[in-house]
PDB file of all heavy atoms in Angstrom:
ATOM      1  N   GLY A   1      40.269 150.144 130.124  1.00  0.00           N
ATOM      2  CA  GLY A   1      40.749 150.370 128.765  1.00  0.00           C
ATOM      3  C   GLY A   1      41.545 151.662 128.661  1.00  0.00           C
ATOM      4  O   GLY A   1      42.585 151.720 127.983  1.00  0.00           O
ATOM      5  N   GLN A   2      41.057 152.708 129.354  1.00  0.00           N
ATOM      6  CA  GLN A   2      41.793 153.966 129.384  1.00  0.00           C
ATOM      7  C   GLN A   2      43.166 153.787 130.033  1.00  0.00           C
ATOM      8  O   GLN A   2      44.169 154.342 129.577  1.00  0.00           O
ATOM      9  CB  GLN A   2      40.995 155.025 130.160  1.00  0.00           C
ATOM     10  CG  GLN A   2      39.737 155.498 129.449  1.00  0.00           C
ATOM     11  CD  GLN A   2      40.067 156.367 128.244  1.00  0.00           C
ATOM     12  OE1 GLN A   2      41.131 156.973 128.179  1.00  0.00           O
ATOM     13  NE2 GLN A   2      39.157 156.418 127.285  1.00  0.00           N
ATOM     14  N   LEU A   3      43.194 152.988 131.107  1.00  0.00           N
ATOM     15  CA  LEU A   3      44.474 152.730 131.776  1.00  0.00           C
ATOM     16  C   LEU A   3      45.459 152.058 130.822  1.00  0.00           C
ATOM     17  O   LEU A   3      46.653 152.379 130.813  1.00  0.00           O
ATOM     18  CB  LEU A   3      44.258 151.842 133.011  1.00  0.00           C
ATOM     19  CG  LEU A   3      43.498 152.487 134.179  1.00  0.00           C
ATOM     20  CD1 LEU A   3      43.213 151.438 135.252  1.00  0.00           C
ATOM     21  CD2 LEU A   3      44.286 153.640 134.772  1.00  0.00           C
ATOM     22  N   GLY A   4      44.953 151.117 130.021  1.00  0.00           N
ATOM     23  CA  GLY A   4      45.823 150.451 129.055  1.00  0.00           C
ATOM     24  C   GLY A   4      46.383 151.424 128.036  1.00  0.00           C
ATOM     25  O   GLY A   4      47.566 151.347 127.667  1.00  0.00           O
ATOM     26  N   ASP A   5      45.531 152.354 127.574  1.00  0.00           N
ATOM     27  CA  ASP A   5      45.990 153.359 126.614  1.00  0.00           C
ATOM     28  C   ASP A   5      47.071 154.242 127.215  1.00  0.00           C
ATOM     29  O   ASP A   5      48.067 154.593 126.554  1.00  0.00           O
ATOM     30  CB  ASP A   5      44.815 154.228 126.156  1.00  0.00           C
ATOM     31  CG  ASP A   5      43.810 153.448 125.329  1.00  0.00           C
ATOM     32  OD1 ASP A   5      44.197 152.393 124.789  1.00  0.00           O
ATOM     33  OD2 ASP A   5      42.651 153.903 125.230  1.00  0.00           O
ATOM     34  N   TRP A   6      46.856 154.623 128.483  1.00  0.00           N
ATOM     35  CA  TRP A   6      47.851 155.474 129.138  1.00  0.00           C
ATOM     36  C   TRP A   6      49.176 154.722 129.346  1.00  0.00           C
ATOM     37  O   TRP A   6      50.257 155.306 129.214  1.00  0.00           O
ATOM     38  CB  TRP A   6      47.299 155.987 130.473  1.00  0.00           C
ATOM     39  CG  TRP A   6      46.395 157.170 130.315  1.00  0.00           C
ATOM     40  CD1 TRP A   6      46.594 158.269 129.538  1.00  0.00           C
ATOM     41  CD2 TRP A   6      45.127 157.355 130.943  1.00  0.00           C
ATOM     42  NE1 TRP A   6      45.526 159.139 129.637  1.00  0.00           N
ATOM     43  CE2 TRP A   6      44.617 158.616 130.499  1.00  0.00           C
ATOM     44  CE3 TRP A   6      44.366 156.617 131.850  1.00  0.00           C
ATOM     45  CZ2 TRP A   6      43.393 159.119 130.923  1.00  0.00           C
ATOM     46  CZ3 TRP A   6      43.142 157.127 132.262  1.00  0.00           C
ATOM     47  CH2 TRP A   6      42.672 158.357 131.800  1.00  0.00           C
ATOM     48  N   LYS A   7      49.106 153.434 129.656  1.00  0.00           N
ATOM     49  CA  LYS A   7      50.343 152.659 129.822  1.00  0.00           C
ATOM     50  C   LYS A   7      51.129 152.608 128.506  1.00  0.00           C
ATOM     51  O   LYS A   7      52.357 152.761 128.489  1.00  0.00           O
ATOM     52  CB  LYS A   7      50.011 151.242 130.300  1.00  0.00           C
ATOM     53  CG  LYS A   7      49.606 151.165 131.761  1.00  0.00           C
ATOM     54  CD  LYS A   7      49.592 149.743 132.279  1.00  0.00           C
ATOM     55  CE  LYS A   7      48.445 148.948 131.734  1.00  0.00           C
ATOM     56  NZ  LYS A   7      48.371 147.597 132.326  1.00  0.00           N
ATOM     57  N   THR A   8      50.396 152.396 127.393  1.00  0.00           N
ATOM     58  CA  THR A   8      51.048 152.366 126.082  1.00  0.00           C
ATOM     59  C   THR A   8      51.699 153.713 125.762  1.00  0.00           C
ATOM     60  O   THR A   8      52.835 153.792 125.267  1.00  0.00           O
ATOM     61  CB  THR A   8      50.015 152.026 124.996  1.00  0.00           C
ATOM     62  OG1 THR A   8      49.454 150.746 125.251  1.00  0.00           O
ATOM     63  CG2 THR A   8      50.658 152.021 123.620  1.00  0.00           C
ATOM     64  N   CYS A   9      50.981 154.783 126.093  1.00  0.00           N
ATOM     65  CA  CYS A   9      51.496 156.131 125.845  1.00  0.00           C
ATOM     66  C   CYS A   9      52.775 156.372 126.640  1.00  0.00           C
ATOM     67  O   CYS A   9      53.750 156.922 126.136  1.00  0.00           O
ATOM     68  CB  CYS A   9      50.434 157.156 126.205  1.00  0.00           C
ATOM     69  SG  CYS A   9      50.890 158.865 125.804  1.00  0.00           S
ATOM     70  N   HIS A  10      52.758 155.920 127.901  1.00  0.00           N
ATOM     71  CA  HIS A  10      53.948 156.099 128.739  1.00  0.00           C
ATOM     72  C   HIS A  10      55.147 155.320 128.186  1.00  0.00           C
ATOM     73  O   HIS A  10      56.291 155.795 128.232  1.00  0.00           O
ATOM     74  CB  HIS A  10      53.648 155.648 130.158  1.00  0.00           C
ATOM     75  CG  HIS A  10      52.886 156.658 130.969  1.00  0.00           C
ATOM     76  ND1 HIS A  10      53.341 157.931 131.218  1.00  0.00           N
ATOM     77  CD2 HIS A  10      51.671 156.576 131.587  1.00  0.00           C
ATOM     78  CE1 HIS A  10      52.455 158.595 131.945  1.00  0.00           C
ATOM     79  NE2 HIS A  10      51.427 157.803 132.184  1.00  0.00           N
ATOM     80  N   LEU A  11      54.902 154.133 127.655  1.00  0.00           N
ATOM     81  CA  LEU A  11      56.000 153.340 127.095  1.00  0.00           C
ATOM     82  C   LEU A  11      56.602 154.026 125.865  1.00  0.00           C
ATOM     83  O   LEU A  11      57.825 153.992 125.646  1.00  0.00           O
ATOM     84  CB  LEU A  11      55.484 151.944 126.733  1.00  0.00           C
ATOM     85  CG  LEU A  11      55.179 151.029 127.928  1.00  0.00           C
ATOM     86  CD1 LEU A  11      54.486 149.759 127.468  1.00  0.00           C
ATOM     87  CD2 LEU A  11      56.464 150.680 128.672  1.00  0.00           C
ATOM     88  N   GLN A  12      55.743 154.630 125.047  1.00  0.00           N
ATOM     89  CA  GLN A  12      56.243 155.361 123.874  1.00  0.00           C
ATOM     90  C   GLN A  12      57.074 156.577 124.291  1.00  0.00           C
ATOM     91  O   GLN A  12      58.126 156.866 123.690  1.00  0.00           O
ATOM     92  CB  GLN A  12      55.059 155.807 123.020  1.00  0.00           C
ATOM     93  CG  GLN A  12      54.307 154.652 122.370  1.00  0.00           C
ATOM     94  CD  GLN A  12      53.040 155.091 121.683  1.00  0.00           C
ATOM     95  OE1 GLN A  12      52.568 156.213 121.892  1.00  0.00           O
ATOM     96  NE2 GLN A  12      52.469 154.215 120.850  1.00  0.00           N
ATOM     97  N   LEU A  13      56.600 157.268 125.312  1.00  0.00           N
ATOM     98  CA  LEU A  13      57.348 158.427 125.800  1.00  0.00           C
ATOM     99  C   LEU A  13      58.714 158.023 126.336  1.00  0.00           C
ATOM    100  O   LEU A  13      59.696 158.775 126.221  1.00  0.00           O
ATOM    101  CB  LEU A  13      56.549 159.124 126.904  1.00  0.00           C
ATOM    102  CG  LEU A  13      55.349 159.970 126.449  1.00  0.00           C
ATOM    103  CD1 LEU A  13      54.521 160.399 127.643  1.00  0.00           C
ATOM    104  CD2 LEU A  13      55.825 161.173 125.666  1.00  0.00           C
ATOM    105  N   GLN A  14      58.774 156.829 126.922  1.00  0.00           N
ATOM    106  CA  GLN A  14      60.035 156.369 127.494  1.00  0.00           C
ATOM    107  C   GLN A  14      61.114 156.257 126.434  1.00  0.00           C
ATOM    108  O   GLN A  14      62.295 156.526 126.698  1.00  0.00           O
ATOM    109  CB  GLN A  14      59.795 154.997 128.160  1.00  0.00           C
ATOM    110  CG  GLN A  14      61.005 154.453 128.889  1.00  0.00           C
ATOM    111  CD  GLN A  14      60.644 153.228 129.691  1.00  0.00           C
ATOM    112  OE1 GLN A  14      60.093 153.334 130.770  1.00  0.00           O
ATOM    113  NE2 GLN A  14      60.950 152.061 129.159  1.00  0.00           N
ATOM    114  N   ASP A  15      60.712 155.843 125.199  1.00  0.00           N
ATOM    115  CA  ASP A  15      61.666 155.712 124.095  1.00  0.00           C
ATOM    116  C   ASP A  15      62.020 157.070 123.504  1.00  0.00           C
ATOM    117  O   ASP A  15      63.130 157.268 122.999  1.00  0.00           O
ATOM    118  CB  ASP A  15      61.075 154.813 122.999  1.00  0.00           C
ATOM    119  CG  ASP A  15      60.899 153.382 123.468  1.00  0.00           C
ATOM    120  OD1 ASP A  15      61.652 152.949 124.357  1.00  0.00           O
ATOM    121  OD2 ASP A  15      59.996 152.687 122.931  1.00  0.00           O
ATOM    122  N   ARG A  16      61.108 157.998 123.527  1.00  0.00           N
ATOM    123  CA  ARG A  16      61.309 159.276 122.840  1.00  0.00           C
ATOM    124  C   ARG A  16      61.985 160.346 123.698  1.00  0.00           C
ATOM    125  O   ARG A  16      62.732 161.167 123.209  1.00  0.00           O
ATOM    126  CB  ARG A  16      59.953 159.808 122.360  1.00  0.00           C
ATOM    127  CG  ARG A  16      59.326 159.010 121.220  1.00  0.00           C
ATOM    128  CD  ARG A  16      57.844 159.288 121.068  1.00  0.00           C
ATOM    129  NE  ARG A  16      57.566 160.712 121.016  1.00  0.00           N
ATOM    130  CZ  ARG A  16      56.342 161.217 121.150  1.00  0.00           C
ATOM    131  NH1 ARG A  16      55.312 160.414 121.364  1.00  0.00           N
ATOM    132  NH2 ARG A  16      56.168 162.507 121.094  1.00  0.00           N
ATOM    133  N   LEU A  17      61.709 160.369 124.965  1.00  0.00           N
ATOM    134  CA  LEU A  17      62.195 161.464 125.803  1.00  0.00           C
ATOM    135  C   LEU A  17      62.968 160.909 126.996  1.00  0.00           C
ATOM    136  O   LEU A  17      62.379 160.487 128.001  1.00  0.00           O
ATOM    137  CB  LEU A  17      61.015 162.321 126.287  1.00  0.00           C
ATOM    138  CG  LEU A  17      60.138 162.929 125.189  1.00  0.00           C
ATOM    139  CD1 LEU A  17      58.899 163.556 125.791  1.00  0.00           C
ATOM    140  CD2 LEU A  17      60.934 163.945 124.407  1.00  0.00           C
ATOM    141  N   TYR A  18      64.277 160.891 126.908  1.00  0.00           N
ATOM    142  CA  TYR A  18      65.098 160.327 127.969  1.00  0.00           C
ATOM    143  C   TYR A  18      64.943 161.115 129.275  1.00  0.00           C
ATOM    144  O   TYR A  18      64.971 160.536 130.375  1.00  0.00           O
ATOM    145  CB  TYR A  18      66.569 160.325 127.532  1.00  0.00           C
ATOM    146  CG  TYR A  18      67.507 159.794 128.599  1.00  0.00           C
ATOM    147  CD1 TYR A  18      67.619 158.425 128.822  1.00  0.00           C
ATOM    148  CD2 TYR A  18      68.260 160.668 129.386  1.00  0.00           C
ATOM    149  CE1 TYR A  18      68.444 157.934 129.813  1.00  0.00           C
ATOM    150  CE2 TYR A  18      69.095 160.181 130.373  1.00  0.00           C
ATOM    151  CZ  TYR A  18      69.180 158.818 130.580  1.00  0.00           C
ATOM    152  OH  TYR A  18      69.999 158.337 131.562  1.00  0.00           O
ATOM    153  N   ALA A  19      64.742 162.406 129.164  1.00  0.00           N
ATOM    154  CA  ALA A  19      64.640 163.241 130.358  1.00  0.00           C
ATOM    155  C   ALA A  19      63.424 162.875 131.209  1.00  0.00           C
ATOM    156  O   ALA A  19      63.373 163.161 132.408  1.00  0.00           O
ATOM    157  CB  ALA A  19      64.566 164.717 129.972  1.00  0.00           C
ATOM    158  N   LEU A  20      62.430 162.213 130.573  1.00  0.00           N
ATOM    159  CA  LEU A  20      61.222 161.867 131.307  1.00  0.00           C
ATOM    160  C   LEU A  20      61.189 160.407 131.752  1.00  0.00           C
ATOM    161  O   LEU A  20      60.166 159.940 132.268  1.00  0.00           O
ATOM    162  CB  LEU A  20      59.985 162.134 130.434  1.00  0.00           C
ATOM    163  CG  LEU A  20      59.712 163.597 130.090  1.00  0.00           C
ATOM    164  CD1 LEU A  20      58.537 163.686 129.124  1.00  0.00           C
ATOM    165  CD2 LEU A  20      59.426 164.398 131.347  1.00  0.00           C
ATOM    166  N   VAL A  21      62.289 159.690 131.560  1.00  0.00           N
ATOM    167  CA  VAL A  21      62.300 158.258 131.853  1.00  0.00           C
ATOM    168  C   VAL A  21      61.965 157.978 133.322  1.00  0.00           C
ATOM    169  O   VAL A  21      61.112 157.134 133.636  1.00  0.00           O
ATOM    170  CB  VAL A  21      63.667 157.633 131.498  1.00  0.00           C
ATOM    171  CG1 VAL A  21      63.791 156.227 132.084  1.00  0.00           C
ATOM    172  CG2 VAL A  21      63.815 157.559 129.982  1.00  0.00           C
ATOM    173  N   GLU A  22      62.625 158.657 134.255  1.00  0.00           N
ATOM    174  CA  GLU A  22      62.401 158.379 135.678  1.00  0.00           C
ATOM    175  C   GLU A  22      60.971 158.743 136.100  1.00  0.00           C
ATOM    176  O   GLU A  22      60.325 157.997 136.850  1.00  0.00           O
ATOM    177  CB  GLU A  22      63.407 159.165 136.530  1.00  0.00           C
ATOM    178  CG  GLU A  22      64.853 158.708 136.353  1.00  0.00           C
ATOM    179  CD  GLU A  22      65.024 157.237 136.654  1.00  0.00           C
ATOM    180  OE1 GLU A  22      64.402 156.740 137.626  1.00  0.00           O
ATOM    181  OE2 GLU A  22      65.765 156.557 135.913  1.00  0.00           O
ATOM    182  N   GLN A  23      60.507 159.857 135.593  1.00  0.00           N
ATOM    183  CA  GLN A  23      59.124 160.260 135.898  1.00  0.00           C
ATOM    184  C   GLN A  23      58.138 159.251 135.303  1.00  0.00           C
ATOM    185  O   GLN A  23      57.118 158.908 135.915  1.00  0.00           O
ATOM    186  CB  GLN A  23      58.860 161.650 135.337  1.00  0.00           C
ATOM    187  CG  GLN A  23      57.447 162.154 135.607  1.00  0.00           C
ATOM    188  CD  GLN A  23      57.202 163.536 135.016  1.00  0.00           C
ATOM    189  OE1 GLN A  23      58.106 164.156 134.471  1.00  0.00           O
ATOM    190  NE2 GLN A  23      55.968 163.996 135.127  1.00  0.00           N
ATOM    191  N   ASN A  24      58.441 158.766 134.100  1.00  0.00           N
ATOM    192  CA  ASN A  24      57.569 157.808 133.443  1.00  0.00           C
ATOM    193  C   ASN A  24      57.507 156.483 134.210  1.00  0.00           C
ATOM    194  O   ASN A  24      56.454 155.857 134.324  1.00  0.00           O
ATOM    195  CB  ASN A  24      58.066 157.570 132.017  1.00  0.00           C
ATOM    196  CG  ASN A  24      57.096 156.738 131.203  1.00  0.00           C
ATOM    197  OD1 ASN A  24      55.982 157.167 130.949  1.00  0.00           O
ATOM    198  ND2 ASN A  24      57.506 155.544 130.805  1.00  0.00           N
ATOM    199  N   LYS A  25      58.639 156.030 134.748  1.00  0.00           N
ATOM    200  CA  LYS A  25      58.663 154.791 135.512  1.00  0.00           C
ATOM    201  C   LYS A  25      57.769 154.891 136.748  1.00  0.00           C
ATOM    202  O   LYS A  25      57.045 153.947 137.088  1.00  0.00           O
ATOM    203  CB  LYS A  25      60.093 154.460 135.926  1.00  0.00           C
ATOM    204  CG  LYS A  25      60.978 154.000 134.776  1.00  0.00           C
ATOM    205  CD  LYS A  25      62.389 153.687 135.272  1.00  0.00           C
ATOM    206  CE  LYS A  25      63.279 153.201 134.139  1.00  0.00           C
ATOM    207  NZ  LYS A  25      64.659 152.915 134.588  1.00  0.00           N
ATOM    208  N   SER A  26      57.850 156.041 137.399  1.00  0.00           N
ATOM    209  CA  SER A  26      56.998 156.239 138.579  1.00  0.00           C
ATOM    210  C   SER A  26      55.520 156.217 138.192  1.00  0.00           C
ATOM    211  O   SER A  26      54.681 155.637 138.895  1.00  0.00           O
ATOM    212  CB  SER A  26      57.339 157.577 139.246  1.00  0.00           C
ATOM    213  OG  SER A  26      58.680 157.581 139.707  1.00  0.00           O
ATOM    214  N   ALA A  27      55.224 156.861 137.055  1.00  0.00           N
ATOM    215  CA  ALA A  27      53.827 156.874 136.605  1.00  0.00           C
ATOM    216  C   ALA A  27      53.333 155.470 136.278  1.00  0.00           C
ATOM    217  O   ALA A  27      52.197 155.105 136.584  1.00  0.00           O
ATOM    218  CB  ALA A  27      53.693 157.781 135.375  1.00  0.00           C
ATOM    219  N   MET A  28      54.206 154.643 135.689  1.00  0.00           N
ATOM    220  CA  MET A  28      53.824 153.272 135.362  1.00  0.00           C
ATOM    221  C   MET A  28      53.502 152.473 136.621  1.00  0.00           C
ATOM    222  O   MET A  28      52.545 151.690 136.658  1.00  0.00           O
ATOM    223  CB  MET A  28      54.960 152.594 134.589  1.00  0.00           C
ATOM    224  CG  MET A  28      55.056 153.021 133.135  1.00  0.00           C
ATOM    225  SD  MET A  28      53.602 152.509 132.178  1.00  0.00           S
ATOM    226  CE  MET A  28      53.749 150.735 132.308  1.00  0.00           C
ATOM    227  N   LYS A  29      54.290 152.654 137.661  1.00  0.00           N
ATOM    228  CA  LYS A  29      54.030 151.935 138.910  1.00  0.00           C
ATOM    229  C   LYS A  29      52.664 152.301 139.471  1.00  0.00           C
ATOM    230  O   LYS A  29      51.905 151.439 139.933  1.00  0.00           O
ATOM    231  CB  LYS A  29      55.126 152.245 139.930  1.00  0.00           C
ATOM    232  CG  LYS A  29      56.482 151.639 139.578  1.00  0.00           C
ATOM    233  CD  LYS A  29      57.532 152.004 140.630  1.00  0.00           C
ATOM    234  CE  LYS A  29      58.884 151.418 140.271  1.00  0.00           C
ATOM    235  NZ  LYS A  29      59.935 151.782 141.262  1.00  0.00           N
ATOM    236  N   LEU A  30      52.365 153.619 139.425  1.00  0.00           N
ATOM    237  CA  LEU A  30      51.066 154.057 139.943  1.00  0.00           C
ATOM    238  C   LEU A  30      49.915 153.512 139.092  1.00  0.00           C
ATOM    239  O   LEU A  30      48.859 153.136 139.615  1.00  0.00           O
ATOM    240  CB  LEU A  30      51.017 155.591 139.965  1.00  0.00           C
ATOM    241  CG  LEU A  30      51.938 156.262 140.991  1.00  0.00           C
ATOM    242  CD1 LEU A  30      51.937 157.770 140.793  1.00  0.00           C
ATOM    243  CD2 LEU A  30      51.497 155.925 142.408  1.00  0.00           C
ATOM    244  N   LEU A  31      50.130 153.459 137.779  1.00  0.00           N
ATOM    245  CA  LEU A  31      49.087 152.919 136.912  1.00  0.00           C
ATOM    246  C   LEU A  31      48.846 151.435 137.166  1.00  0.00           C
ATOM    247  O   LEU A  31      47.711 150.960 137.131  1.00  0.00           O
ATOM    248  CB  LEU A  31      49.473 153.139 135.446  1.00  0.00           C
ATOM    249  CG  LEU A  31      49.310 154.576 134.922  1.00  0.00           C
ATOM    250  CD1 LEU A  31      49.995 154.717 133.564  1.00  0.00           C
ATOM    251  CD2 LEU A  31      47.847 154.940 134.816  1.00  0.00           C
ATOM    252  N   GLU A  32      49.930 150.693 137.430  1.00  0.00           N
ATOM    253  CA  GLU A  32      49.772 149.266 137.733  1.00  0.00           C
ATOM    254  C   GLU A  32      48.987 149.071 139.025  1.00  0.00           C
ATOM    255  O   GLU A  32      48.138 148.181 139.121  1.00  0.00           O
ATOM    256  CB  GLU A  32      51.156 148.596 137.844  1.00  0.00           C
ATOM    257  CG  GLU A  32      51.933 148.506 136.537  1.00  0.00           C
ATOM    258  CD  GLU A  32      51.259 147.603 135.514  1.00  0.00           C
ATOM    259  OE1 GLU A  32      50.334 146.858 135.902  1.00  0.00           O
ATOM    260  OE2 GLU A  32      51.643 147.661 134.338  1.00  0.00           O
ATOM    261  N   LEU A  33      49.294 149.919 140.016  1.00  0.00           N
ATOM    262  CA  LEU A  33      48.543 149.835 141.272  1.00  0.00           C
ATOM    263  C   LEU A  33      47.065 150.151 141.028  1.00  0.00           C
ATOM    264  O   LEU A  33      46.166 149.503 141.583  1.00  0.00           O
ATOM    265  CB  LEU A  33      49.130 150.807 142.306  1.00  0.00           C
ATOM    266  CG  LEU A  33      50.521 150.462 142.844  1.00  0.00           C
ATOM    267  CD1 LEU A  33      51.032 151.588 143.736  1.00  0.00           C
ATOM    268  CD2 LEU A  33      50.474 149.153 143.642  1.00  0.00           C
ATOM    269  N   GLU A  34      46.820 151.171 140.198  1.00  0.00           N
ATOM    270  CA  GLU A  34      45.432 151.549 139.895  1.00  0.00           C
ATOM    271  C   GLU A  34      44.730 150.424 139.141  1.00  0.00           C
ATOM    272  O   GLU A  34      43.572 150.106 139.390  1.00  0.00           O
ATOM    273  CB  GLU A  34      45.425 152.833 139.069  1.00  0.00           C
ATOM    274  CG  GLU A  34      44.059 153.444 138.878  1.00  0.00           C
ATOM    275  CD  GLU A  34      43.617 154.250 140.082  1.00  0.00           C
ATOM    276  OE1 GLU A  34      44.197 154.103 141.164  1.00  0.00           O
ATOM    277  OE2 GLU A  34      42.666 155.021 139.934  1.00  0.00           O
ATOM    278  N   ASP A  35      45.475 149.800 138.200  1.00  0.00           N
ATOM    279  CA  ASP A  35      44.911 148.693 137.430  1.00  0.00           C
ATOM    280  C   ASP A  35      44.555 147.530 138.345  1.00  0.00           C
ATOM    281  O   ASP A  35      43.489 146.915 138.229  1.00  0.00           O
ATOM    282  CB  ASP A  35      45.915 148.249 136.367  1.00  0.00           C
ATOM    283  CG  ASP A  35      45.280 147.315 135.346  1.00  0.00           C
ATOM    284  OD1 ASP A  35      44.043 147.306 135.191  1.00  0.00           O
ATOM    285  OD2 ASP A  35      46.035 146.564 134.704  1.00  0.00           O
ATOM    286  N   THR A  36      45.450 147.224 139.294  1.00  0.00           N
ATOM    287  CA  THR A  36      45.176 146.145 140.250  1.00  0.00           C
ATOM    288  C   THR A  36      43.948 146.467 141.076  1.00  0.00           C
ATOM    289  O   THR A  36      43.109 145.600 141.340  1.00  0.00           O
ATOM    290  CB  THR A  36      46.388 145.958 141.181  1.00  0.00           C
ATOM    291  OG1 THR A  36      47.527 145.585 140.394  1.00  0.00           O
ATOM    292  CG2 THR A  36      46.115 144.858 142.207  1.00  0.00           C
ATOM    293  N   SER A  37      43.820 147.736 141.467  1.00  0.00           N
ATOM    294  CA  SER A  37      42.647 148.151 142.246  1.00  0.00           C
ATOM    295  C   SER A  37      41.369 147.962 141.444  1.00  0.00           C
ATOM    296  O   SER A  37      40.357 147.493 141.963  1.00  0.00           O
ATOM    297  CB  SER A  37      42.798 149.621 142.667  1.00  0.00           C
ATOM    298  OG  SER A  37      41.649 150.073 143.350  1.00  0.00           O
ATOM    299  N   VAL A  38      41.420 148.318 140.142  1.00  0.00           N
ATOM    300  CA  VAL A  38      40.250 148.140 139.296  1.00  0.00           C
ATOM    301  C   VAL A  38      39.893 146.664 139.151  1.00  0.00           C
ATOM    302  O   VAL A  38      38.728 146.281 139.222  1.00  0.00           O
ATOM    303  CB  VAL A  38      40.485 148.772 137.905  1.00  0.00           C
ATOM    304  CG1 VAL A  38      39.341 148.432 136.955  1.00  0.00           C
ATOM    305  CG2 VAL A  38      40.620 150.278 138.030  1.00  0.00           C
ATOM    306  N   VAL A  39      40.919 145.821 138.951  1.00  0.00           N
ATOM    307  CA  VAL A  39      40.672 144.376 138.824  1.00  0.00           C
ATOM    308  C   VAL A  39      40.029 143.830 140.094  1.00  0.00           C
ATOM    309  O   VAL A  39      39.062 143.060 140.049  1.00  0.00           O
ATOM    310  CB  VAL A  39      41.992 143.626 138.528  1.00  0.00           C
ATOM    311  CG1 VAL A  39      41.782 142.120 138.617  1.00  0.00           C
ATOM    312  CG2 VAL A  39      42.493 143.995 137.143  1.00  0.00           C
ATOM    313  N   ASN A  40      40.565 144.252 141.246  1.00  0.00           N
ATOM    314  CA  ASN A  40      40.012 143.770 142.520  1.00  0.00           C
ATOM    315  C   ASN A  40      38.560 144.210 142.690  1.00  0.00           C
ATOM    316  O   ASN A  40      37.695 143.432 143.103  1.00  0.00           O
ATOM    317  CB  ASN A  40      40.848 144.283 143.696  1.00  0.00           C
ATOM    318  CG  ASN A  40      42.228 143.636 143.757  1.00  0.00           C
ATOM    319  OD1 ASN A  40      42.425 142.547 143.217  1.00  0.00           O
ATOM    320  ND2 ASN A  40      43.176 144.288 144.385  1.00  0.00           N
ATOM    321  N   MET A  41      38.280 145.482 142.372  1.00  0.00           N
ATOM    322  CA  MET A  41      36.921 145.980 142.519  1.00  0.00           C
ATOM    323  C   MET A  41      35.979 145.308 141.516  1.00  0.00           C
ATOM    324  O   MET A  41      34.829 145.011 141.830  1.00  0.00           O
ATOM    325  CB  MET A  41      36.898 147.501 142.322  1.00  0.00           C
ATOM    326  CG  MET A  41      37.613 148.286 143.425  1.00  0.00           C
ATOM    327  SD  MET A  41      36.898 147.995 145.065  1.00  0.00           S
ATOM    328  CE  MET A  41      35.292 148.762 144.863  1.00  0.00           C
ATOM    329  N   THR A  42      36.499 145.052 140.301  1.00  0.00           N
ATOM    330  CA  THR A  42      35.683 144.361 139.310  1.00  0.00           C
ATOM    331  C   THR A  42      35.323 142.955 139.777  1.00  0.00           C
ATOM    332  O   THR A  42      34.187 142.508 139.648  1.00  0.00           O
ATOM    333  CB  THR A  42      36.427 144.294 137.967  1.00  0.00           C
ATOM    334  OG1 THR A  42      36.691 145.622 137.500  1.00  0.00           O
ATOM    335  CG2 THR A  42      35.595 143.557 136.920  1.00  0.00           C
ATOM    336  N   THR A  43      36.324 142.254 140.344  1.00  0.00           N
ATOM    337  CA  THR A  43      36.072 140.903 140.858  1.00  0.00           C
ATOM    338  C   THR A  43      35.017 140.931 141.954  1.00  0.00           C
ATOM    339  O   THR A  43      34.091 140.112 141.977  1.00  0.00           O
ATOM    340  CB  THR A  43      37.380 140.300 141.409  1.00  0.00           C
ATOM    341  OG1 THR A  43      38.345 140.223 140.344  1.00  0.00           O
ATOM    342  CG2 THR A  43      37.135 138.898 141.961  1.00  0.00           C
ATOM    343  N   GLN A  44      35.155 141.895 142.883  1.00  0.00           N
ATOM    344  CA  GLN A  44      34.172 142.007 143.959  1.00  0.00           C
ATOM    345  C   GLN A  44      32.780 142.304 143.396  1.00  0.00           C
ATOM    346  O   GLN A  44      31.779 141.759 143.859  1.00  0.00           O
ATOM    347  CB  GLN A  44      34.574 143.117 144.930  1.00  0.00           C
ATOM    348  CG  GLN A  44      35.846 142.831 145.710  1.00  0.00           C
ATOM    349  CD  GLN A  44      36.245 144.001 146.598  1.00  0.00           C
ATOM    350  OE1 GLN A  44      35.408 144.808 147.006  1.00  0.00           O
ATOM    351  NE2 GLN A  44      37.533 144.106 146.898  1.00  0.00           N
ATOM    352  N   GLY A  45      32.723 143.171 142.374  1.00  0.00           N
ATOM    353  CA  GLY A  45      31.440 143.507 141.781  1.00  0.00           C
ATOM    354  C   GLY A  45      30.795 142.315 141.089  1.00  0.00           C
ATOM    355  O   GLY A  45      29.591 142.097 141.191  1.00  0.00           O
ATOM    356  N   GLU A  46      31.620 141.524 140.365  1.00  0.00           N
ATOM    357  CA  GLU A  46      31.092 140.335 139.697  1.00  0.00           C
ATOM    358  C   GLU A  46      30.548 139.346 140.720  1.00  0.00           C
ATOM    359  O   GLU A  46      29.491 138.748 140.528  1.00  0.00           O
ATOM    360  CB  GLU A  46      32.199 139.676 138.863  1.00  0.00           C
ATOM    361  CG  GLU A  46      32.655 140.493 137.658  1.00  0.00           C
ATOM    362  CD  GLU A  46      31.643 140.479 136.531  1.00  0.00           C
ATOM    363  OE1 GLU A  46      30.564 139.877 136.710  1.00  0.00           O
ATOM    364  OE2 GLU A  46      31.927 141.082 135.480  1.00  0.00           O
TER     365      GLU A  46
END
């Protein structure tokens, strides 16, 4: 849930601050990887 909040925050920043667009894109990729890791670990735990 925290990851989802951070993804939403990053998307809002992308619209507001052009100077941070490239940095924000990189952060989104890392968050997606982290989210996938959480999903995989959750599946294994279930």
